N, C-alpha and C. Protein backbone atom coordinates (compact mmCIF):
# COMPACT_ATOMS: atom_id res chain seq x y z
N UNK A 1 -119.60 27.38 4.52
CA UNK A 1 -120.59 26.68 5.15
C UNK A 1 -121.83 26.53 4.36
N UNK A 2 -122.39 25.45 4.36
CA UNK A 2 -123.76 25.36 3.47
C UNK A 2 -124.84 26.04 4.20
N UNK A 3 -125.96 25.86 3.45
CA UNK A 3 -127.26 26.66 4.21
C UNK A 3 -127.90 25.58 5.11
N UNK A 4 -128.81 26.14 5.98
CA UNK A 4 -129.62 25.40 6.69
C UNK A 4 -131.00 25.29 5.80
N UNK A 5 -131.71 24.12 6.04
CA UNK A 5 -132.90 23.92 5.10
C UNK A 5 -134.16 25.03 5.22
N UNK A 6 -134.17 25.69 6.40
CA UNK A 6 -135.11 26.67 6.60
C UNK A 6 -134.66 27.93 5.86
N UNK A 7 -133.62 28.21 5.52
CA UNK A 7 -133.05 29.30 4.74
C UNK A 7 -133.72 29.36 3.26
N UNK A 8 -134.10 28.13 2.92
CA UNK A 8 -134.77 28.10 1.53
C UNK A 8 -136.15 28.52 1.49
N UNK A 9 -136.77 28.72 2.64
CA UNK A 9 -138.23 28.89 2.71
C UNK A 9 -138.38 30.34 2.68
N UNK A 10 -139.18 30.73 1.65
CA UNK A 10 -139.37 32.14 1.32
C UNK A 10 -140.30 32.73 2.68
N UNK A 11 -141.03 32.07 3.35
CA UNK A 11 -141.93 32.51 4.36
C UNK A 11 -140.83 32.96 5.56
N UNK A 12 -139.82 32.10 5.69
CA UNK A 12 -138.85 32.36 6.70
C UNK A 12 -138.02 33.61 6.38
N UNK A 13 -137.54 33.94 5.03
CA UNK A 13 -137.01 35.01 4.65
C UNK A 13 -137.82 36.30 4.91
N UNK A 14 -139.10 36.17 4.53
CA UNK A 14 -140.03 37.26 4.80
C UNK A 14 -140.21 37.64 6.20
N UNK A 15 -140.24 36.66 7.21
CA UNK A 15 -140.39 36.65 8.52
C UNK A 15 -139.09 37.26 9.13
N UNK A 16 -138.02 37.04 8.63
CA UNK A 16 -136.81 37.85 9.08
C UNK A 16 -136.74 39.20 8.64
N UNK A 17 -137.28 39.51 7.59
CA UNK A 17 -137.30 40.96 7.12
C UNK A 17 -138.48 41.78 7.94
N UNK A 18 -139.65 40.93 8.14
CA UNK A 18 -140.63 41.67 9.13
C UNK A 18 -140.04 42.12 10.58
N UNK A 19 -139.15 40.99 10.94
CA UNK A 19 -138.67 41.16 12.33
C UNK A 19 -137.53 42.35 12.27
N UNK A 20 -136.86 42.51 11.35
CA UNK A 20 -136.03 43.51 11.28
C UNK A 20 -136.77 44.91 11.09
N UNK A 21 -137.90 45.02 10.49
CA UNK A 21 -138.44 46.12 10.28
C UNK A 21 -139.33 46.42 11.55
N UNK A 22 -139.76 45.57 12.44
CA UNK A 22 -140.45 45.80 13.51
C UNK A 22 -139.40 46.27 14.68
N UNK A 23 -138.20 45.84 14.62
CA UNK A 23 -137.17 46.28 15.47
C UNK A 23 -136.62 47.69 15.25
N UNK A 24 -136.67 47.93 13.89
CA UNK A 24 -136.32 49.32 13.59
C UNK A 24 -137.25 50.23 14.07
N UNK A 25 -138.65 49.73 13.84
CA UNK A 25 -139.65 50.65 14.32
C UNK A 25 -139.72 50.66 15.83
N UNK A 26 -139.35 49.76 16.47
CA UNK A 26 -139.35 49.67 17.94
C UNK A 26 -138.25 50.75 18.49
N UNK A 27 -137.18 50.62 17.73
CA UNK A 27 -135.98 51.57 18.05
C UNK A 27 -136.41 53.14 17.86
N UNK A 28 -137.33 53.13 17.21
CA UNK A 28 -137.64 54.66 16.87
C UNK A 28 -138.91 55.31 17.71
N UNK A 29 -139.32 54.41 18.71
CA UNK A 29 -140.48 54.83 19.48
C UNK A 29 -139.79 55.61 20.73
N UNK A 30 -140.25 56.72 20.86
CA UNK A 30 -139.85 57.69 22.06
C UNK A 30 -140.94 57.50 23.18
N UNK A 31 -140.45 56.76 24.16
CA UNK A 31 -141.41 56.60 25.36
C UNK A 31 -140.50 56.48 26.70
N UNK A 32 -141.14 56.56 27.78
CA UNK A 32 -140.41 56.48 28.97
C UNK A 32 -140.13 54.92 29.44
N UNK A 33 -139.26 54.80 30.38
CA UNK A 33 -139.09 53.38 30.65
C UNK A 33 -140.08 52.48 31.22
N UNK A 34 -141.11 53.00 31.81
CA UNK A 34 -142.10 52.29 32.38
C UNK A 34 -142.83 51.66 31.32
N UNK A 35 -142.53 51.84 29.91
CA UNK A 35 -143.21 51.14 28.84
C UNK A 35 -142.18 50.02 28.23
N UNK A 36 -141.10 50.09 28.73
CA UNK A 36 -140.17 49.44 28.06
C UNK A 36 -140.51 47.78 27.87
N UNK A 37 -141.28 47.22 28.88
CA UNK A 37 -141.74 45.92 28.69
C UNK A 37 -142.58 45.60 27.47
N UNK A 38 -143.43 46.69 26.87
CA UNK A 38 -144.09 46.39 25.83
C UNK A 38 -143.33 46.51 24.58
N UNK A 39 -142.10 47.29 24.43
CA UNK A 39 -141.30 47.15 23.49
C UNK A 39 -140.45 45.88 23.37
N UNK A 40 -140.00 45.48 24.49
CA UNK A 40 -139.45 44.20 24.47
C UNK A 40 -140.27 43.09 24.07
N UNK A 41 -141.64 43.06 24.41
CA UNK A 41 -142.62 42.01 24.06
C UNK A 41 -142.66 42.13 22.56
N UNK A 42 -142.78 43.39 22.00
CA UNK A 42 -142.84 43.65 20.50
C UNK A 42 -141.73 42.87 19.85
N UNK A 43 -140.50 43.17 20.13
CA UNK A 43 -139.43 42.55 19.64
C UNK A 43 -139.40 41.10 19.80
N UNK A 44 -139.75 40.65 21.03
CA UNK A 44 -139.72 39.06 21.31
C UNK A 44 -140.78 38.35 20.19
N UNK A 45 -142.00 39.04 20.22
CA UNK A 45 -142.99 38.35 19.26
C UNK A 45 -142.69 38.43 17.89
N UNK A 46 -142.08 39.60 17.34
CA UNK A 46 -141.52 39.65 16.08
C UNK A 46 -140.70 38.70 15.66
N UNK A 47 -139.71 38.51 16.48
CA UNK A 47 -138.56 37.65 16.17
C UNK A 47 -138.91 36.22 16.15
N UNK A 48 -139.94 35.86 17.06
CA UNK A 48 -140.36 34.50 17.31
C UNK A 48 -141.26 34.05 16.10
N UNK A 49 -141.68 34.79 15.11
CA UNK A 49 -142.31 34.25 13.86
C UNK A 49 -141.10 33.48 13.31
N UNK A 50 -139.97 34.04 12.79
CA UNK A 50 -139.10 33.30 12.01
C UNK A 50 -138.31 32.24 12.85
N UNK A 51 -138.17 32.45 14.11
CA UNK A 51 -137.48 31.47 15.06
C UNK A 51 -138.36 30.14 15.05
N UNK A 52 -139.59 30.14 15.06
CA UNK A 52 -140.47 29.06 15.16
C UNK A 52 -140.62 28.49 13.80
N UNK A 53 -140.70 29.10 12.74
CA UNK A 53 -140.45 28.54 11.44
C UNK A 53 -139.27 27.65 11.47
N UNK A 54 -138.08 28.24 11.67
CA UNK A 54 -136.75 27.58 11.79
C UNK A 54 -136.87 26.30 12.63
N UNK A 55 -137.34 26.60 13.81
CA UNK A 55 -137.38 25.39 14.70
C UNK A 55 -138.09 24.32 14.27
N UNK A 56 -139.34 24.51 13.77
CA UNK A 56 -140.12 23.61 13.18
C UNK A 56 -139.70 22.82 11.98
N UNK A 57 -138.79 23.58 11.10
CA UNK A 57 -138.08 22.83 9.97
C UNK A 57 -137.17 21.96 10.38
N UNK A 58 -136.51 22.17 11.53
CA UNK A 58 -135.54 21.33 12.16
C UNK A 58 -135.87 20.05 12.91
N UNK A 59 -137.50 20.03 12.93
CA UNK A 59 -138.06 18.92 13.73
C UNK A 59 -138.05 17.62 12.62
N UNK A 60 -138.29 16.42 13.30
CA UNK A 60 -138.23 15.20 12.31
C UNK A 60 -139.41 14.79 11.79
N UNK A 61 -140.62 15.54 12.22
CA UNK A 61 -141.96 15.00 11.83
C UNK A 61 -142.71 16.11 11.15
N UNK A 62 -143.56 15.97 10.20
CA UNK A 62 -144.40 17.00 9.61
C UNK A 62 -145.41 17.50 10.72
N UNK A 63 -145.86 16.55 11.52
CA UNK A 63 -146.74 17.13 12.47
C UNK A 63 -146.14 18.18 13.42
N UNK A 64 -144.84 17.94 13.93
CA UNK A 64 -144.24 18.91 14.58
C UNK A 64 -144.00 20.08 13.96
N UNK A 65 -143.60 20.05 12.67
CA UNK A 65 -143.31 21.30 11.87
C UNK A 65 -144.76 22.05 11.97
N UNK A 66 -145.82 21.28 11.53
CA UNK A 66 -147.09 22.23 11.46
C UNK A 66 -147.23 22.75 12.88
N UNK A 67 -147.08 22.13 13.98
CA UNK A 67 -147.14 22.74 15.32
C UNK A 67 -146.44 24.25 15.36
N UNK A 68 -145.27 23.98 15.01
CA UNK A 68 -144.29 25.28 15.05
C UNK A 68 -144.89 26.42 14.05
N UNK A 69 -145.49 26.03 13.01
CA UNK A 69 -146.08 26.98 12.06
C UNK A 69 -147.08 27.66 12.67
N UNK A 70 -147.91 26.75 13.35
CA UNK A 70 -149.00 27.63 14.22
C UNK A 70 -148.57 28.33 15.23
N UNK A 71 -147.72 28.13 15.99
CA UNK A 71 -146.92 29.03 16.94
C UNK A 71 -146.54 30.23 16.31
N UNK A 72 -145.66 30.16 15.11
CA UNK A 72 -145.29 31.15 14.30
C UNK A 72 -146.42 32.22 14.01
N UNK A 73 -147.53 31.57 13.56
CA UNK A 73 -148.89 32.33 13.09
C UNK A 73 -149.35 33.11 14.31
N UNK A 74 -149.42 32.43 15.64
CA UNK A 74 -149.77 33.02 16.63
C UNK A 74 -148.81 34.24 17.25
N UNK A 75 -147.57 34.15 16.98
CA UNK A 75 -146.72 35.26 17.33
C UNK A 75 -146.91 36.32 16.23
N UNK A 76 -147.20 35.97 15.14
CA UNK A 76 -147.52 37.21 14.07
C UNK A 76 -148.71 37.96 14.57
N UNK A 77 -149.73 37.20 14.96
CA UNK A 77 -150.85 37.89 15.49
C UNK A 77 -150.87 38.57 16.70
N UNK A 78 -149.94 38.18 17.47
CA UNK A 78 -149.40 39.01 18.88
C UNK A 78 -148.82 40.12 18.44
N UNK A 79 -147.96 40.10 17.46
CA UNK A 79 -147.05 41.09 16.94
C UNK A 79 -147.94 42.44 16.50
N UNK A 80 -148.91 41.94 15.70
CA UNK A 80 -149.77 42.83 15.02
C UNK A 80 -150.67 43.58 16.08
N UNK A 81 -151.04 42.88 17.19
CA UNK A 81 -151.88 43.35 18.28
C UNK A 81 -151.11 44.34 19.00
N UNK A 82 -149.94 43.98 19.41
CA UNK A 82 -149.11 44.97 19.96
C UNK A 82 -149.00 46.30 19.05
N UNK A 83 -148.62 46.21 17.81
CA UNK A 83 -148.72 47.43 16.90
C UNK A 83 -149.88 48.12 16.94
N UNK A 84 -151.00 47.39 17.02
CA UNK A 84 -152.43 48.24 17.04
C UNK A 84 -152.52 48.93 18.35
N UNK A 85 -151.93 48.26 19.52
CA UNK A 85 -151.97 48.96 20.68
C UNK A 85 -150.98 50.21 20.68
N UNK A 86 -149.87 50.05 20.27
CA UNK A 86 -148.92 51.21 19.97
C UNK A 86 -149.48 52.29 19.28
N UNK A 87 -150.19 51.92 18.11
CA UNK A 87 -150.77 52.86 17.13
C UNK A 87 -151.79 53.64 18.04
N UNK A 88 -152.69 53.03 18.80
CA UNK A 88 -153.66 53.62 19.52
C UNK A 88 -153.13 54.68 20.55
N UNK A 89 -151.81 54.37 21.04
CA UNK A 89 -151.09 55.21 22.09
C UNK A 89 -150.39 56.39 21.14
N UNK A 90 -150.53 56.35 19.95
CA UNK A 90 -150.10 57.24 19.00
C UNK A 90 -148.35 57.28 19.02
N UNK A 91 -148.02 56.06 19.34
CA UNK A 91 -146.43 55.80 19.32
C UNK A 91 -145.95 55.37 17.99
N UNK A 92 -146.87 54.86 17.18
CA UNK A 92 -146.41 54.59 15.78
C UNK A 92 -147.74 55.26 14.90
N UNK A 93 -147.25 55.78 13.63
CA UNK A 93 -148.26 56.12 12.80
C UNK A 93 -149.31 55.28 12.06
N UNK A 94 -150.32 55.74 11.60
CA UNK A 94 -151.30 54.83 10.94
C UNK A 94 -150.52 54.12 9.77
N UNK A 95 -149.74 54.88 8.88
CA UNK A 95 -148.88 54.41 7.88
C UNK A 95 -148.03 53.26 8.30
N UNK A 96 -147.40 53.34 9.35
CA UNK A 96 -146.32 52.42 9.76
C UNK A 96 -147.28 51.04 10.19
N UNK A 97 -148.37 51.32 10.82
CA UNK A 97 -149.29 50.13 11.20
C UNK A 97 -149.58 49.50 9.85
N UNK A 98 -150.23 50.29 8.92
CA UNK A 98 -150.71 49.65 7.60
C UNK A 98 -149.75 48.87 6.99
N UNK A 99 -148.37 49.46 6.92
CA UNK A 99 -147.39 48.70 6.33
C UNK A 99 -147.00 47.41 7.01
N UNK A 100 -146.94 47.32 8.39
CA UNK A 100 -146.79 46.19 9.03
C UNK A 100 -147.95 45.26 9.01
N UNK A 101 -149.18 45.69 8.87
CA UNK A 101 -150.24 44.79 8.60
C UNK A 101 -150.30 44.20 7.28
N UNK A 102 -149.85 44.89 6.23
CA UNK A 102 -149.65 44.39 4.99
C UNK A 102 -148.71 43.28 4.84
N UNK A 103 -147.42 43.42 5.46
CA UNK A 103 -146.43 42.38 5.28
C UNK A 103 -146.74 41.37 6.30
N UNK A 104 -147.37 41.51 7.48
CA UNK A 104 -147.69 40.63 8.25
C UNK A 104 -148.86 39.54 7.53
N UNK A 105 -149.65 40.41 6.77
CA UNK A 105 -150.84 39.65 6.21
C UNK A 105 -150.22 38.65 5.05
N UNK A 106 -149.31 38.98 4.55
CA UNK A 106 -148.67 38.24 3.39
C UNK A 106 -148.02 37.14 4.19
N UNK A 107 -147.21 37.26 5.33
CA UNK A 107 -146.69 36.21 6.06
C UNK A 107 -147.91 35.23 6.51
N UNK A 108 -148.83 35.70 6.96
CA UNK A 108 -149.94 34.85 7.59
C UNK A 108 -150.51 34.10 6.50
N UNK A 109 -150.60 34.57 5.31
CA UNK A 109 -151.31 33.77 4.21
C UNK A 109 -150.27 32.81 3.85
N UNK A 110 -148.96 32.97 3.89
CA UNK A 110 -147.87 31.91 3.47
C UNK A 110 -147.98 30.92 4.62
N UNK A 111 -148.09 31.21 5.87
CA UNK A 111 -148.00 30.27 6.87
C UNK A 111 -149.17 29.40 6.74
N UNK A 112 -150.33 29.96 6.44
CA UNK A 112 -151.78 29.09 6.43
C UNK A 112 -151.46 28.24 5.17
N UNK A 113 -151.08 28.74 4.07
CA UNK A 113 -151.04 27.92 2.99
C UNK A 113 -149.98 26.76 3.12
N UNK A 114 -148.93 26.91 3.83
CA UNK A 114 -147.90 26.00 4.24
C UNK A 114 -148.50 24.87 5.06
N UNK A 115 -149.26 25.35 6.21
CA UNK A 115 -149.83 24.36 7.12
C UNK A 115 -150.83 23.56 6.26
N UNK A 116 -151.66 24.04 5.53
CA UNK A 116 -152.85 23.31 4.71
C UNK A 116 -151.95 22.34 3.60
N UNK A 117 -150.85 22.77 2.97
CA UNK A 117 -150.12 21.85 1.93
C UNK A 117 -149.47 20.62 2.67
N UNK A 118 -148.97 21.01 3.90
CA UNK A 118 -148.26 19.89 4.77
C UNK A 118 -149.31 18.90 5.15
N UNK A 119 -150.40 19.39 5.83
CA UNK A 119 -151.50 18.57 6.34
C UNK A 119 -152.11 17.55 5.21
N UNK A 120 -152.41 18.16 4.02
CA UNK A 120 -152.90 17.57 3.04
C UNK A 120 -151.94 16.49 2.42
N UNK A 121 -150.73 16.93 2.42
CA UNK A 121 -149.73 15.88 1.87
C UNK A 121 -149.77 14.73 2.93
N UNK A 122 -149.85 14.83 4.20
CA UNK A 122 -149.78 14.00 5.03
C UNK A 122 -150.81 13.13 5.08
N UNK A 123 -152.14 13.81 4.64
CA UNK A 123 -153.29 12.94 4.60
C UNK A 123 -153.33 11.82 3.38
N UNK A 124 -152.39 12.20 2.43
CA UNK A 124 -152.38 11.33 1.11
C UNK A 124 -151.28 10.29 1.38
N UNK A 125 -150.46 10.24 2.56
CA UNK A 125 -149.41 9.33 2.55
C UNK A 125 -149.94 7.98 2.89
N UNK A 126 -149.18 6.97 2.20
CA UNK A 126 -149.85 5.43 2.37
C UNK A 126 -149.72 5.01 3.58
């Protein structure tokens, strides 16, 4: 079977790796069940980044693709916020948070660059 077009996007590949790392981190958190909703939200927001990139790539217009890239960026910010909260609760270390912020920051820059590039290309269409 061939590849889907989103598989060629470096930002999508990095977002998948980021989600894998966040899920592994979530699996290592020792907390009681009353906080399981936070962990589920962390897993959902981290996977939403790559999911929205892929869904946007599958749309027919650049305008729709850009909208999904904005949603992916929002999911990234949500994920980082949840990780900051978990760090403040001492459920994850400063080092773990810093690593997530570093890779998340790279993804954020890539998403912003992609959004700008698509919007600028659209502005120059005849």
